[in-house]
């Protein structure tokens, strides 16, 4: 998974797959809005895919 602030990559992390769900741990991010994209390369039985969303980090 890649996390960007504007065009700058601020984190690249790899998830752990368990029972069809991927879990990732992100580093501490500063307040702001980030673009998050994830890519699954696929396997011999499952087609690869790509998706994305916006992540908003608010102050405490």
C-alpha atoms as a PDB file:
ATOM      1  CA  UNK A   1       0.000   0.000   0.000  1.00  0.00           C
ATOM      2  CA  UNK A   2       1.242   3.486  -0.809  1.00  0.00           C
ATOM      3  CA  UNK A   3       0.318   6.641   1.104  1.00  0.00           C
ATOM      4  CA  UNK A   4       0.899  10.016  -0.576  1.00  0.00           C
ATOM      5  CA  UNK A   5       0.614  13.614   0.551  1.00  0.00           C
ATOM      6  CA  UNK A   6       0.203  15.455  -2.731  1.00  0.00           C
ATOM      7  CA  UNK A   7       2.715  13.789  -5.049  1.00  0.00           C
ATOM      8  CA  UNK A   8       5.125  12.845  -2.244  1.00  0.00           C
ATOM      9  CA  UNK A   9       5.158   9.224  -1.050  1.00  0.00           C
ATOM     10  CA  UNK A  10       5.129   9.318   2.766  1.00  0.00           C
ATOM     11  CA  UNK A  11       4.752   5.576   3.410  1.00  0.00           C
ATOM     12  CA  UNK A  12       4.888   2.224   1.624  1.00  0.00           C
ATOM     13  CA  UNK A  13       3.719  -0.742   3.646  1.00  0.00           C
ATOM     14  CA  UNK A  14       2.975  -4.408   3.042  1.00  0.00           C
ATOM     15  CA  UNK A  15      -0.122  -5.997   4.544  1.00  0.00           C
ATOM     16  CA  UNK A  16      -0.734  -9.347   6.168  1.00  0.00           C
ATOM     17  CA  UNK A  17      -3.487 -11.501   4.653  1.00  0.00           C
ATOM     18  CA  UNK A  18      -5.579 -13.621   7.003  1.00  0.00           C
ATOM     19  CA  UNK A  19      -8.983 -15.147   6.191  1.00  0.00           C
ATOM     20  CA  UNK A  20      -9.459 -12.904   3.174  1.00  0.00           C
ATOM     21  CA  UNK A  21      -8.718  -9.643   5.039  1.00  0.00           C
ATOM     22  CA  UNK A  22      -5.510  -7.640   4.729  1.00  0.00           C
ATOM     23  CA  UNK A  23      -4.255  -5.694   7.755  1.00  0.00           C
ATOM     24  CA  UNK A  24      -1.652  -2.938   7.542  1.00  0.00           C
ATOM     25  CA  UNK A  25       0.002  -0.737  10.141  1.00  0.00           C
ATOM     26  CA  UNK A  26       0.724   2.826   9.082  1.00  0.00           C
ATOM     27  CA  UNK A  27       3.405   5.015  10.608  1.00  0.00           C
ATOM     28  CA  UNK A  28       2.336   8.057  12.598  1.00  0.00           C
ATOM     29  CA  UNK A  29       1.102  10.595  10.060  1.00  0.00           C
ATOM     30  CA  UNK A  30       0.878  14.350  10.468  1.00  0.00           C
ATOM     31  CA  UNK A  31      -2.524  16.018  10.328  1.00  0.00           C
ATOM     32  CA  UNK A  32      -3.810  16.351   6.776  1.00  0.00           C
ATOM     33  CA  UNK A  33      -5.339  14.566   3.819  1.00  0.00           C
ATOM     34  CA  UNK A  34      -3.580  11.642   2.150  1.00  0.00           C
ATOM     35  CA  UNK A  35      -4.225   9.550  -0.950  1.00  0.00           C
ATOM     36  CA  UNK A  36      -4.030   5.820  -0.232  1.00  0.00           C
ATOM     37  CA  UNK A  37      -3.675   3.212  -2.970  1.00  0.00           C
ATOM     38  CA  UNK A  38      -3.449  -0.552  -2.692  1.00  0.00           C
ATOM     39  CA  UNK A  39      -2.483  -3.119  -5.310  1.00  0.00           C
ATOM     40  CA  UNK A  40      -2.880  -6.890  -5.280  1.00  0.00           C
ATOM     41  CA  UNK A  41      -0.815  -8.608  -7.936  1.00  0.00           C
ATOM     42  CA  UNK A  42      -3.064 -11.634  -8.185  1.00  0.00           C
ATOM     43  CA  UNK A  43      -2.391 -15.353  -8.069  1.00  0.00           C
ATOM     44  CA  UNK A  44      -2.989 -18.362 -10.247  1.00  0.00           C
ATOM     45  CA  UNK A  45      -6.645 -18.428  -9.146  1.00  0.00           C
ATOM     46  CA  UNK A  46      -7.450 -14.792  -8.276  1.00  0.00           C
ATOM     47  CA  UNK A  47      -7.197 -11.786 -10.590  1.00  0.00           C
ATOM     48  CA  UNK A  48      -5.120  -8.840  -9.389  1.00  0.00           C
ATOM     49  CA  UNK A  49      -6.740  -5.536  -8.521  1.00  0.00           C
ATOM     50  CA  UNK A  50      -6.030  -1.941  -7.548  1.00  0.00           C
ATOM     51  CA  UNK A  51      -8.047   0.445  -5.396  1.00  0.00           C
ATOM     52  CA  UNK A  52      -7.715   3.726  -3.611  1.00  0.00           C
ATOM     53  CA  UNK A  53      -9.288   6.097  -1.134  1.00  0.00           C
ATOM     54  CA  UNK A  54      -8.659   9.286   0.798  1.00  0.00           C
ATOM     55  CA  UNK A  55      -7.414   9.187   4.388  1.00  0.00           C
ATOM     56  CA  UNK A  56      -7.962  12.229   6.624  1.00  0.00           C
ATOM     57  CA  UNK A  57      -5.853  12.539   9.798  1.00  0.00           C
ATOM     58  CA  UNK A  58      -7.400  14.888  12.348  1.00  0.00           C
ATOM     59  CA  UNK A  59      -5.709  16.381  15.422  1.00  0.00           C
ATOM     60  CA  UNK A  60      -6.590  14.885  18.806  1.00  0.00           C
END
